[in-house]
PDB file of N, CA and C in Angstrom:
ATOM      1  N   MET A   1       0.852  -1.139   0.000  1.00  0.00           N
ATOM      2  CA  MET A   1       0.000   0.000   0.000  1.00  0.00           C
ATOM      3  C   MET A   1       0.914   1.223   0.000  1.00  0.00           C
ATOM      4  N   VAL A   2       0.524   2.252  -0.752  1.00  0.00           N
ATOM      5  CA  VAL A   2       1.341   3.457  -0.830  1.00  0.00           C
ATOM      6  C   VAL A   2       0.514   4.694  -0.520  1.00  0.00           C
ATOM      7  N   ALA A   3       1.213   5.752  -0.145  1.00  0.00           N
ATOM      8  CA  ALA A   3       0.606   7.070   0.043  1.00  0.00           C
ATOM      9  C   ALA A   3       1.292   8.008  -0.942  1.00  0.00           C
ATOM     10  N   THR A   4       0.485   8.844  -1.594  1.00  0.00           N
ATOM     11  CA  THR A   4       1.015   9.784  -2.564  1.00  0.00           C
ATOM     12  C   THR A   4       0.487  11.185  -2.269  1.00  0.00           C
ATOM     13  N   THR A   5       1.098  12.159  -2.905  1.00  0.00           N
ATOM     14  CA  THR A   5       0.625  13.533  -2.816  1.00  0.00           C
ATOM     15  C   THR A   5       0.749  14.163  -4.188  1.00  0.00           C
ATOM     16  N   GLN A   6      -0.067  15.163  -4.427  1.00  0.00           N
ATOM     17  CA  GLN A   6       0.005  15.911  -5.690  1.00  0.00           C
ATOM     18  C   GLN A   6       1.036  17.017  -5.550  1.00  0.00           C
ATOM     19  N   THR A   7       1.903  17.131  -6.523  1.00  0.00           N
ATOM     20  CA  THR A   7       2.891  18.205  -6.560  1.00  0.00           C
ATOM     21  C   THR A   7       2.779  18.894  -7.916  1.00  0.00           C
ATOM     22  N   GLY A   8       3.541  19.923  -8.099  1.00  0.00           N
ATOM     23  CA  GLY A   8       3.558  20.614  -9.382  1.00  0.00           C
ATOM     24  C   GLY A   8       3.996  19.722 -10.520  1.00  0.00           C
ATOM     25  N   LYS A   9       4.674  18.639 -10.198  1.00  0.00           N
ATOM     26  CA  LYS A   9       5.166  17.703 -11.214  1.00  0.00           C
ATOM     27  C   LYS A   9       4.274  16.475 -11.349  1.00  0.00           C
ATOM     28  N   GLY A  10       3.117  16.489 -10.670  1.00  0.00           N
ATOM     29  CA  GLY A  10       2.212  15.348 -10.726  1.00  0.00           C
ATOM     30  C   GLY A  10       2.150  14.636  -9.386  1.00  0.00           C
ATOM     31  N   GLU A  11       1.855  13.366  -9.422  1.00  0.00           N
ATOM     32  CA  GLU A  11       1.710  12.575  -8.204  1.00  0.00           C
ATOM     33  C   GLU A  11       3.087  12.083  -7.744  1.00  0.00           C
ATOM     34  N   THR A  12       3.347  12.223  -6.426  1.00  0.00           N
ATOM     35  CA  THR A  12       4.628  11.816  -5.852  1.00  0.00           C
ATOM     36  C   THR A  12       4.397  10.792  -4.754  1.00  0.00           C
ATOM     37  N   LEU A  13       5.142   9.707  -4.809  1.00  0.00           N
ATOM     38  CA  LEU A  13       5.098   8.677  -3.773  1.00  0.00           C
ATOM     39  C   LEU A  13       5.788   9.209  -2.528  1.00  0.00           C
ATOM     40  N   ILE A  14       5.094   9.187  -1.374  1.00  0.00           N
ATOM     41  CA  ILE A  14       5.692   9.719  -0.150  1.00  0.00           C
ATOM     42  C   ILE A  14       5.882   8.665   0.939  1.00  0.00           C
ATOM     43  N   ALA A  15       5.169   7.538   0.836  1.00  0.00           N
ATOM     44  CA  ALA A  15       5.304   6.492   1.858  1.00  0.00           C
ATOM     45  C   ALA A  15       4.744   5.184   1.326  1.00  0.00           C
ATOM     46  N   GLY A  16       5.160   4.112   1.967  1.00  0.00           N
ATOM     47  CA  GLY A  16       4.639   2.801   1.614  1.00  0.00           C
ATOM     48  C   GLY A  16       4.683   1.877   2.814  1.00  0.00           C
ATOM     49  N   GLY A  17       3.775   0.946   2.820  1.00  0.00           N
ATOM     50  CA  GLY A  17       3.734  -0.072   3.863  1.00  0.00           C
ATOM     51  C   GLY A  17       3.300  -1.381   3.234  1.00  0.00           C
ATOM     52  N   ARG A  18       3.797  -2.458   3.756  1.00  0.00           N
ATOM     53  CA  ARG A  18       3.412  -3.756   3.207  1.00  0.00           C
ATOM     54  C   ARG A  18       3.516  -4.828   4.270  1.00  0.00           C
ATOM     55  N   TYR A  19       2.814  -5.908   4.036  1.00  0.00           N
ATOM     56  CA  TYR A  19       3.051  -7.095   4.849  1.00  0.00           C
ATOM     57  C   TYR A  19       3.260  -8.265   3.913  1.00  0.00           C
ATOM     58  N   ALA A  20       4.076  -9.204   4.365  1.00  0.00           N
ATOM     59  CA  ALA A  20       4.375 -10.414   3.603  1.00  0.00           C
ATOM     60  C   ALA A  20       4.055 -11.600   4.494  1.00  0.00           C
ATOM     61  N   VAL A  21       3.203 -12.471   4.005  1.00  0.00           N
ATOM     62  CA  VAL A  21       2.778 -13.644   4.764  1.00  0.00           C
ATOM     63  C   VAL A  21       3.917 -14.640   4.855  1.00  0.00           C
ATOM     64  N   ASP A  22       4.160 -15.127   6.079  1.00  0.00           N
ATOM     65  CA  ASP A  22       5.245 -16.078   6.306  1.00  0.00           C
ATOM     66  C   ASP A  22       4.981 -17.434   5.644  1.00  0.00           C
ATOM     67  N   ASN A  23       3.761 -17.935   5.777  1.00  0.00           N
ATOM     68  CA  ASN A  23       3.411 -19.244   5.257  1.00  0.00           C
ATOM     69  C   ASN A  23       2.078 -19.134   4.512  1.00  0.00           C
ATOM     70  N   PRO A  24       2.107 -18.951   3.195  1.00  0.00           N
ATOM     71  CA  PRO A  24       0.866 -18.777   2.441  1.00  0.00           C
ATOM     72  C   PRO A  24      -0.101 -19.944   2.561  1.00  0.00           C
ATOM     73  N   GLU A  25       0.396 -21.132   2.867  1.00  0.00           N
ATOM     74  CA  GLU A  25      -0.461 -22.311   3.004  1.00  0.00           C
ATOM     75  C   GLU A  25      -1.358 -22.205   4.237  1.00  0.00           C
ATOM     76  N   SER A  26      -0.845 -21.600   5.288  1.00  0.00           N
ATOM     77  CA  SER A  26      -1.587 -21.447   6.536  1.00  0.00           C
ATOM     78  C   SER A  26      -1.279 -20.066   7.112  1.00  0.00           C
ATOM     79  N   PRO A  27      -1.850 -19.011   6.522  1.00  0.00           N
ATOM     80  CA  PRO A  27      -1.487 -17.658   6.947  1.00  0.00           C
ATOM     81  C   PRO A  27      -1.974 -17.323   8.350  1.00  0.00           C
ATOM     82  N   ARG A  28      -1.040 -17.059   9.235  1.00  0.00           N
ATOM     83  CA  ARG A  28      -1.354 -16.638  10.587  1.00  0.00           C
ATOM     84  C   ARG A  28      -0.574 -15.389  10.961  1.00  0.00           C
ATOM     85  N   SER A  29       0.612 -15.267  10.376  1.00  0.00           N
ATOM     86  CA  SER A  29       1.515 -14.188  10.733  1.00  0.00           C
ATOM     87  C   SER A  29       2.086 -13.570   9.459  1.00  0.00           C
ATOM     88  N   ALA A  30       2.391 -12.276   9.536  1.00  0.00           N
ATOM     89  CA  ALA A  30       2.989 -11.604   8.386  1.00  0.00           C
ATOM     90  C   ALA A  30       4.036 -10.609   8.869  1.00  0.00           C
ATOM     91  N   GLU A  31       5.100 -10.483   8.085  1.00  0.00           N
ATOM     92  CA  GLU A  31       6.133  -9.499   8.383  1.00  0.00           C
ATOM     93  C   GLU A  31       5.659  -8.145   7.863  1.00  0.00           C
ATOM     94  N   LEU A  32       5.853  -7.130   8.674  1.00  0.00           N
ATOM     95  CA  LEU A  32       5.370  -5.788   8.386  1.00  0.00           C
ATOM     96  C   LEU A  32       6.544  -4.845   8.169  1.00  0.00           C
ATOM     97  N   ALA A  33       6.440  -3.947   7.187  1.00  0.00           N
ATOM     98  CA  ALA A  33       7.509  -2.975   6.939  1.00  0.00           C
ATOM     99  C   ALA A  33       6.926  -1.676   6.383  1.00  0.00           C
ATOM    100  N   PHE A  34       7.598  -0.567   6.689  1.00  0.00           N
ATOM    101  CA  PHE A  34       7.178   0.754   6.235  1.00  0.00           C
ATOM    102  C   PHE A  34       8.382   1.539   5.745  1.00  0.00           C
ATOM    103  N   LEU A  35       8.104   2.493   4.870  1.00  0.00           N
ATOM    104  CA  LEU A  35       9.111   3.448   4.434  1.00  0.00           C
ATOM    105  C   LEU A  35       8.382   4.764   4.182  1.00  0.00           C
ATOM    106  N   THR A  36       8.848   5.819   4.821  1.00  0.00           N
ATOM    107  CA  THR A  36       8.251   7.145   4.650  1.00  0.00           C
ATOM    108  C   THR A  36       9.339   8.116   4.244  1.00  0.00           C
ATOM    109  N   GLY A  37       9.054   8.912   3.219  1.00  0.00           N
ATOM    110  CA  GLY A  37      10.007   9.923   2.770  1.00  0.00           C
ATOM    111  C   GLY A  37      10.353  10.878   3.900  1.00  0.00           C
ATOM    112  N   GLU A  38      11.600  11.271   3.964  1.00  0.00           N
ATOM    113  CA  GLU A  38      12.082  12.092   5.077  1.00  0.00           C
ATOM    114  C   GLU A  38      11.235  13.347   5.304  1.00  0.00           C
ATOM    115  N   ALA A  39      10.845  14.004   4.260  1.00  0.00           N
ATOM    116  CA  ALA A  39      10.066  15.251   4.386  1.00  0.00           C
ATOM    117  C   ALA A  39       8.659  15.014   4.923  1.00  0.00           C
ATOM    118  N   TYR A  40       8.208  13.754   4.947  1.00  0.00           N
ATOM    119  CA  TYR A  40       6.837  13.444   5.356  1.00  0.00           C
ATOM    120  C   TYR A  40       6.755  12.662   6.659  1.00  0.00           C
ATOM    121  N   ARG A  41       7.876  12.454   7.316  1.00  0.00           N
ATOM    122  CA  ARG A  41       7.885  11.717   8.583  1.00  0.00           C
ATOM    123  C   ARG A  41       7.261  12.545   9.697  1.00  0.00           C
ATOM    124  N   GLY A  42       6.679  11.862  10.672  1.00  0.00           N
ATOM    125  CA  GLY A  42       6.103  12.542  11.821  1.00  0.00           C
ATOM    126  C   GLY A  42       4.728  13.125  11.569  1.00  0.00           C
ATOM    127  N   ARG A  43       4.090  12.736  10.482  1.00  0.00           N
ATOM    128  CA  ARG A  43       2.766  13.266  10.134  1.00  0.00           C
ATOM    129  C   ARG A  43       1.655  12.235  10.278  1.00  0.00           C
ATOM    130  N   GLY A  44       1.986  11.062  10.794  1.00  0.00           N
ATOM    131  CA  GLY A  44       0.966  10.038  11.003  1.00  0.00           C
ATOM    132  C   GLY A  44       0.686   9.158   9.806  1.00  0.00           C
ATOM    133  N   ILE A  45       1.503   9.254   8.775  1.00  0.00           N
ATOM    134  CA  ILE A  45       1.258   8.477   7.559  1.00  0.00           C
ATOM    135  C   ILE A  45       1.456   6.988   7.800  1.00  0.00           C
ATOM    136  N   ALA A  46       2.528   6.611   8.498  1.00  0.00           N
ATOM    137  CA  ALA A  46       2.767   5.188   8.773  1.00  0.00           C
ATOM    138  C   ALA A  46       1.639   4.610   9.621  1.00  0.00           C
ATOM    139  N   GLY A  47       1.137   5.373  10.577  1.00  0.00           N
ATOM    140  CA  GLY A  47       0.016   4.908  11.394  1.00  0.00           C
ATOM    141  C   GLY A  47      -1.234   4.684  10.565  1.00  0.00           C
ATOM    142  N   LEU A  48      -1.484   5.556   9.612  1.00  0.00           N
ATOM    143  CA  LEU A  48      -2.641   5.409   8.728  1.00  0.00           C
ATOM    144  C   LEU A  48      -2.484   4.180   7.829  1.00  0.00           C
ATOM    145  N   LEU A  49      -1.276   3.992   7.294  1.00  0.00           N
ATOM    146  CA  LEU A  49      -1.018   2.793   6.492  1.00  0.00           C
ATOM    147  C   LEU A  49      -1.208   1.530   7.325  1.00  0.00           C
ATOM    148  N   LEU A  50      -0.732   1.557   8.577  1.00  0.00           N
ATOM    149  CA  LEU A  50      -0.885   0.411   9.464  1.00  0.00           C
ATOM    150  C   LEU A  50      -2.364   0.104   9.687  1.00  0.00           C
ATOM    151  N   LYS A  51      -3.164   1.128   9.875  1.00  0.00           N
ATOM    152  CA  LYS A  51      -4.606   0.938  10.071  1.00  0.00           C
ATOM    153  C   LYS A  51      -5.227   0.188   8.886  1.00  0.00           C
ATOM    154  N   HIS A  52      -4.876   0.596   7.681  1.00  0.00           N
ATOM    155  CA  HIS A  52      -5.427  -0.057   6.490  1.00  0.00           C
ATOM    156  C   HIS A  52      -4.867  -1.466   6.295  1.00  0.00           C
ATOM    157  N   LEU A  53      -3.577  -1.638   6.550  1.00  0.00           N
ATOM    158  CA  LEU A  53      -2.982  -2.969   6.435  1.00  0.00           C
ATOM    159  C   LEU A  53      -3.600  -3.932   7.444  1.00  0.00           C
ATOM    160  N   LYS A  54      -3.918  -3.427   8.632  1.00  0.00           N
ATOM    161  CA  LYS A  54      -4.566  -4.247   9.663  1.00  0.00           C
ATOM    162  C   LYS A  54      -5.909  -4.761   9.156  1.00  0.00           C
ATOM    163  N   LEU A  55      -6.697  -3.893   8.553  1.00  0.00           N
ATOM    164  CA  LEU A  55      -7.996  -4.308   8.028  1.00  0.00           C
ATOM    165  C   LEU A  55      -7.848  -5.370   6.944  1.00  0.00           C
ATOM    166  N   LEU A  56      -6.889  -5.188   6.052  1.00  0.00           N
ATOM    167  CA  LEU A  56      -6.648  -6.180   4.999  1.00  0.00           C
ATOM    168  C   LEU A  56      -6.181  -7.511   5.584  1.00  0.00           C
ATOM    169  N   ALA A  57      -5.296  -7.430   6.574  1.00  0.00           N
ATOM    170  CA  ALA A  57      -4.767  -8.646   7.195  1.00  0.00           C
ATOM    171  C   ALA A  57      -5.857  -9.413   7.934  1.00  0.00           C
ATOM    172  N   GLU A  58      -6.704  -8.697   8.641  1.00  0.00           N
ATOM    173  CA  GLU A  58      -7.804  -9.361   9.351  1.00  0.00           C
ATOM    174  C   GLU A  58      -8.738 -10.054   8.360  1.00  0.00           C
ATOM    175  N   ALA A  59      -9.038  -9.382   7.259  1.00  0.00           N
ATOM    176  CA  ALA A  59      -9.904  -9.979   6.238  1.00  0.00           C
ATOM    177  C   ALA A  59      -9.270 -11.231   5.637  1.00  0.00           C
ATOM    178  N   ALA A  60      -7.943 -11.276   5.622  1.00  0.00           N
ATOM    179  CA  ALA A  60      -7.218 -12.436   5.097  1.00  0.00           C
ATOM    180  C   ALA A  60      -7.023 -13.524   6.149  1.00  0.00           C
ATOM    181  N   GLY A  61      -7.488 -13.283   7.377  1.00  0.00           N
ATOM    182  CA  GLY A  61      -7.384 -14.287   8.425  1.00  0.00           C
ATOM    183  C   GLY A  61      -6.082 -14.290   9.195  1.00  0.00           C
ATOM    184  N   LEU A  62      -5.274 -13.243   9.047  1.00  0.00           N
ATOM    185  CA  LEU A  62      -4.017 -13.190   9.795  1.00  0.00           C
ATOM    186  C   LEU A  62      -4.283 -12.906  11.267  1.00  0.00           C
ATOM    187  N   ARG A  63      -3.378 -13.369  12.111  1.00  0.00           N
ATOM    188  CA  ARG A  63      -3.523 -13.186  13.554  1.00  0.00           C
ATOM    189  C   ARG A  63      -2.507 -12.232  14.155  1.00  0.00           C
ATOM    190  N   GLN A  64      -1.384 -12.007  13.437  1.00  0.00           N
ATOM    191  CA  GLN A  64      -0.380 -11.108  13.991  1.00  0.00           C
ATOM    192  C   GLN A  64       0.529 -10.563  12.905  1.00  0.00           C
ATOM    193  N   PHE A  65       1.113  -9.413  13.224  1.00  0.00           N
ATOM    194  CA  PHE A  65       2.176  -8.810  12.428  1.00  0.00           C
ATOM    195  C   PHE A  65       3.468  -8.955  13.211  1.00  0.00           C
ATOM    196  N   GLU A  66       4.571  -9.081  12.488  1.00  0.00           N
ATOM    197  CA  GLU A  66       5.889  -9.081  13.095  1.00  0.00           C
ATOM    198  C   GLU A  66       6.759  -8.088  12.346  1.00  0.00           C
ATOM    199  N   ALA A  67       7.690  -7.454  13.062  1.00  0.00           N
ATOM    200  CA  ALA A  67       8.597  -6.498  12.427  1.00  0.00           C
ATOM    201  C   ALA A  67       9.933  -6.512  13.143  1.00  0.00           C
ATOM    202  N   GLU A  68      10.984  -6.269  12.383  1.00  0.00           N
ATOM    203  CA  GLU A  68      12.325  -6.096  12.921  1.00  0.00           C
ATOM    204  C   GLU A  68      12.642  -4.606  12.778  1.00  0.00           C
ATOM    205  N   VAL A  69      12.919  -3.949  13.907  1.00  0.00           N
ATOM    206  CA  VAL A  69      13.129  -2.505  13.911  1.00  0.00           C
ATOM    207  C   VAL A  69      14.475  -2.197  14.566  1.00  0.00           C
ATOM    208  N   LEU A  70      15.245  -1.317  13.940  1.00  0.00           N
ATOM    209  CA  LEU A  70      16.490  -0.883  14.575  1.00  0.00           C
ATOM    210  C   LEU A  70      16.147  -0.170  15.877  1.00  0.00           C
ATOM    211  N   ALA A  71      16.905  -0.429  16.917  1.00  0.00           N
ATOM    212  CA  ALA A  71      16.628   0.143  18.238  1.00  0.00           C
ATOM    213  C   ALA A  71      16.579   1.668  18.204  1.00  0.00           C
ATOM    214  N   GLU A  72      17.376   2.289  17.348  1.00  0.00           N
ATOM    215  CA  GLU A  72      17.377   3.756  17.292  1.00  0.00           C
ATOM    216  C   GLU A  72      16.204   4.322  16.493  1.00  0.00           C
ATOM    217  N   ASN A  73      15.404   3.460  15.866  1.00  0.00           N
ATOM    218  CA  ASN A  73      14.256   3.930  15.092  1.00  0.00           C
ATOM    219  C   ASN A  73      13.048   4.106  16.019  1.00  0.00           C
ATOM    220  N   ARG A  74      13.172   5.041  16.933  1.00  0.00           N
ATOM    221  CA  ARG A  74      12.113   5.291  17.916  1.00  0.00           C
ATOM    222  C   ARG A  74      10.801   5.741  17.285  1.00  0.00           C
ATOM    223  N   PRO A  75      10.839   6.536  16.213  1.00  0.00           N
ATOM    224  CA  PRO A  75       9.560   6.921  15.598  1.00  0.00           C
ATOM    225  C   PRO A  75       8.738   5.713  15.132  1.00  0.00           C
ATOM    226  N   MET A  76       9.389   4.698  14.553  1.00  0.00           N
ATOM    227  CA  MET A  76       8.640   3.523  14.100  1.00  0.00           C
ATOM    228  C   MET A  76       8.120   2.727  15.286  1.00  0.00           C
ATOM    229  N   LEU A  77       8.927   2.605  16.323  1.00  0.00           N
ATOM    230  CA  LEU A  77       8.460   1.917  17.525  1.00  0.00           C
ATOM    231  C   LEU A  77       7.264   2.655  18.125  1.00  0.00           C
ATOM    232  N   SER A  78       7.259   3.966  18.049  1.00  0.00           N
ATOM    233  CA  SER A  78       6.124   4.758  18.551  1.00  0.00           C
ATOM    234  C   SER A  78       4.869   4.507  17.732  1.00  0.00           C
ATOM    235  N   VAL A  79       5.021   4.350  16.425  1.00  0.00           N
ATOM    236  CA  VAL A  79       3.865   4.039  15.577  1.00  0.00           C
ATOM    237  C   VAL A  79       3.224   2.743  16.054  1.00  0.00           C
ATOM    238  N   PHE A  80       4.044   1.744  16.315  1.00  0.00           N
ATOM    239  CA  PHE A  80       3.509   0.464  16.777  1.00  0.00           C
ATOM    240  C   PHE A  80       2.844   0.609  18.146  1.00  0.00           C
ATOM    241  N   LYS A  81       3.477   1.334  19.053  1.00  0.00           N
ATOM    242  CA  LYS A  81       2.909   1.518  20.393  1.00  0.00           C
ATOM    243  C   LYS A  81       1.583   2.270  20.346  1.00  0.00           C
ATOM    244  N   ARG A  82       1.498   3.288  19.509  1.00  0.00           N
ATOM    245  CA  ARG A  82       0.280   4.089  19.400  1.00  0.00           C
ATOM    246  C   ARG A  82      -0.838   3.374  18.650  1.00  0.00           C
ATOM    247  N   SER A  83      -0.532   2.264  18.015  1.00  0.00           N
ATOM    248  CA  SER A  83      -1.539   1.559  17.216  1.00  0.00           C
ATOM    249  C   SER A  83      -2.690   1.036  18.062  1.00  0.00           C
ATOM    250  N   GLY A  84      -2.461   0.834  19.350  1.00  0.00           N
ATOM    251  CA  GLY A  84      -3.493   0.261  20.199  1.00  0.00           C
ATOM    252  C   GLY A  84      -3.528  -1.261  20.153  1.00  0.00           C
ATOM    253  N   LEU A  85      -2.711  -1.843  19.296  1.00  0.00           N
ATOM    254  CA  LEU A  85      -2.656  -3.305  19.201  1.00  0.00           C
ATOM    255  C   LEU A  85      -1.766  -3.848  20.313  1.00  0.00           C
ATOM    256  N   PRO A  86      -2.156  -4.968  20.921  1.00  0.00           N
ATOM    257  CA  PRO A  86      -1.278  -5.588  21.917  1.00  0.00           C
ATOM    258  C   PRO A  86       0.086  -5.877  21.283  1.00  0.00           C
ATOM    259  N   MET A  87       1.143  -5.439  21.970  1.00  0.00           N
ATOM    260  CA  MET A  87       2.483  -5.513  21.403  1.00  0.00           C
ATOM    261  C   MET A  87       3.438  -6.215  22.358  1.00  0.00           C
ATOM    262  N   GLN A  88       4.266  -7.078  21.780  1.00  0.00           N
ATOM    263  CA  GLN A  88       5.354  -7.704  22.524  1.00  0.00           C
ATOM    264  C   GLN A  88       6.650  -7.319  21.826  1.00  0.00           C
ATOM    265  N   GLN A  89       7.711  -7.150  22.622  1.00  0.00           N
ATOM    266  CA  GLN A  89       9.017  -6.794  22.075  1.00  0.00           C
ATOM    267  C   GLN A  89      10.090  -7.691  22.665  1.00  0.00           C
ATOM    268  N   SER A  90      11.083  -7.984  21.860  1.00  0.00           N
ATOM    269  CA  SER A  90      12.287  -8.635  22.361  1.00  0.00           C
ATOM    270  C   SER A  90      13.453  -8.009  21.610  1.00  0.00           C
ATOM    271  N   ARG A  91      14.582  -7.967  22.269  1.00  0.00           N
ATOM    272  CA  ARG A  91      15.745  -7.294  21.680  1.00  0.00           C
ATOM    273  C   ARG A  91      16.896  -8.262  21.515  1.00  0.00           C
ATOM    274  N   GLU A  92      17.562  -8.146  20.374  1.00  0.00           N
ATOM    275  CA  GLU A  92      18.777  -8.912  20.119  1.00  0.00           C
ATOM    276  C   GLU A  92      19.781  -7.934  19.511  1.00  0.00           C
ATOM    277  N   GLY A  93      20.706  -7.480  20.330  1.00  0.00           N
ATOM    278  CA  GLY A  93      21.667  -6.485  19.873  1.00  0.00           C
ATOM    279  C   GLY A  93      20.963  -5.173  19.569  1.00  0.00           C
ATOM    280  N   ASN A  94      21.126  -4.686  18.359  1.00  0.00           N
ATOM    281  CA  ASN A  94      20.548  -3.415  17.939  1.00  0.00           C
ATOM    282  C   ASN A  94      19.184  -3.579  17.254  1.00  0.00           C
ATOM    283  N   ILE A  95      18.654  -4.800  17.261  1.00  0.00           N
ATOM    284  CA  ILE A  95      17.383  -5.085  16.591  1.00  0.00           C
ATOM    285  C   ILE A  95      16.306  -5.395  17.631  1.00  0.00           C
ATOM    286  N   ILE A  96      15.154  -4.756  17.463  1.00  0.00           N
ATOM    287  CA  ILE A  96      14.002  -5.051  18.311  1.00  0.00           C
ATOM    288  C   ILE A  96      12.977  -5.789  17.463  1.00  0.00           C
ATOM    289  N   HIS A  97      12.610  -6.970  17.930  1.00  0.00           N
ATOM    290  CA  HIS A  97      11.583  -7.764  17.256  1.00  0.00           C
ATOM    291  C   HIS A  97      10.246  -7.395  17.891  1.00  0.00           C
ATOM    292  N   VAL A  98       9.318  -6.942  17.073  1.00  0.00           N
ATOM    293  CA  VAL A  98       8.001  -6.517  17.537  1.00  0.00           C
ATOM    294  C   VAL A  98       6.958  -7.477  17.003  1.00  0.00           C
ATOM    295  N   THR A  99       6.026  -7.883  17.875  1.00  0.00           N
ATOM    296  CA  THR A  99       4.888  -8.685  17.466  1.00  0.00           C
ATOM    297  C   THR A  99       3.627  -7.922  17.882  1.00  0.00           C
ATOM    298  N   LEU A 100       2.758  -7.695  16.893  1.00  0.00           N
ATOM    299  CA  LEU A 100       1.490  -7.010  17.127  1.00  0.00           C
ATOM    300  C   LEU A 100       0.359  -8.017  16.924  1.00  0.00           C
ATOM    301  N   SER A 101      -0.476  -8.191  17.934  1.00  0.00           N
ATOM    302  CA  SER A 101      -1.594  -9.112  17.848  1.00  0.00           C
ATOM    303  C   SER A 101      -2.768  -8.432  17.138  1.00  0.00           C
ATOM    304  N   LEU A 102      -3.365  -9.141  16.202  1.00  0.00           N
ATOM    305  CA  LEU A 102      -4.534  -8.643  15.493  1.00  0.00           C
ATOM    306  C   LEU A 102      -5.831  -9.213  16.061  1.00  0.00           C
ATOM    307  N   GLU A 103      -5.721 -10.110  17.019  1.00  0.00           N
ATOM    308  CA  GLU A 103      -6.892 -10.816  17.532  1.00  0.00           C
ATOM    309  C   GLU A 103      -7.651 -10.055  18.590  1.00  0.00           C
ATOM    310  N   ALA A 104      -7.022  -9.135  19.268  1.00  0.00           N
ATOM    311  CA  ALA A 104      -7.681  -8.397  20.351  1.00  0.00           C
ATOM    312  C   ALA A 104      -8.550  -7.297  19.770  1.00  0.00           C
ATOM    313  N   GLU A 105      -9.585  -6.957  20.479  1.00  0.00           N
ATOM    314  CA  GLU A 105     -10.464  -5.846  20.112  1.00  0.00           C
ATOM    315  C   GLU A 105      -9.829  -4.558  20.576  1.00  0.00           C
ATOM    316  N   ALA A 106      -8.952  -3.997  19.775  1.00  0.00           N
ATOM    317  CA  ALA A 106      -8.269  -2.763  20.158  1.00  0.00           C
ATOM    318  C   ALA A 106      -8.387  -1.752  19.032  1.00  0.00           C
ATOM    319  N   PRO A 107      -8.674  -0.504  19.359  1.00  0.00           N
ATOM    320  CA  PRO A 107      -8.726   0.515  18.293  1.00  0.00           C
ATOM    321  C   PRO A 107      -7.333   0.791  17.770  1.00  0.00           C
ATOM    322  N   ILE A 108      -7.248   1.189  16.539  1.00  0.00           N
ATOM    323  CA  ILE A 108      -5.938   1.491  15.961  1.00  0.00           C
ATOM    324  C   ILE A 108      -5.846   2.964  15.625  1.00  0.00           C
TER     325      ILE A 108
END
């Protein structure tokens, strides 16, 4: 899923988010990733993309998202925390593994 904006030069891609299912035969979990253009960070775009990806994932029967986040990427960790989804974290060196549960009734 992508976010775009209109500029004088036409439509410009400013952010993207995606999930990839770990096991297509029995989808329960998916890896989650985002990329937001530097000029557009801190505006809630990743959170909005997460909201839409959550709806798509639930419709597909997924139960959780997983992500690997650099420890210094506090803005992305904040997006996950603010999502309202139950979150678990574990750290290995400079990488934080995040698991977001899609099964709980939590607003995003």
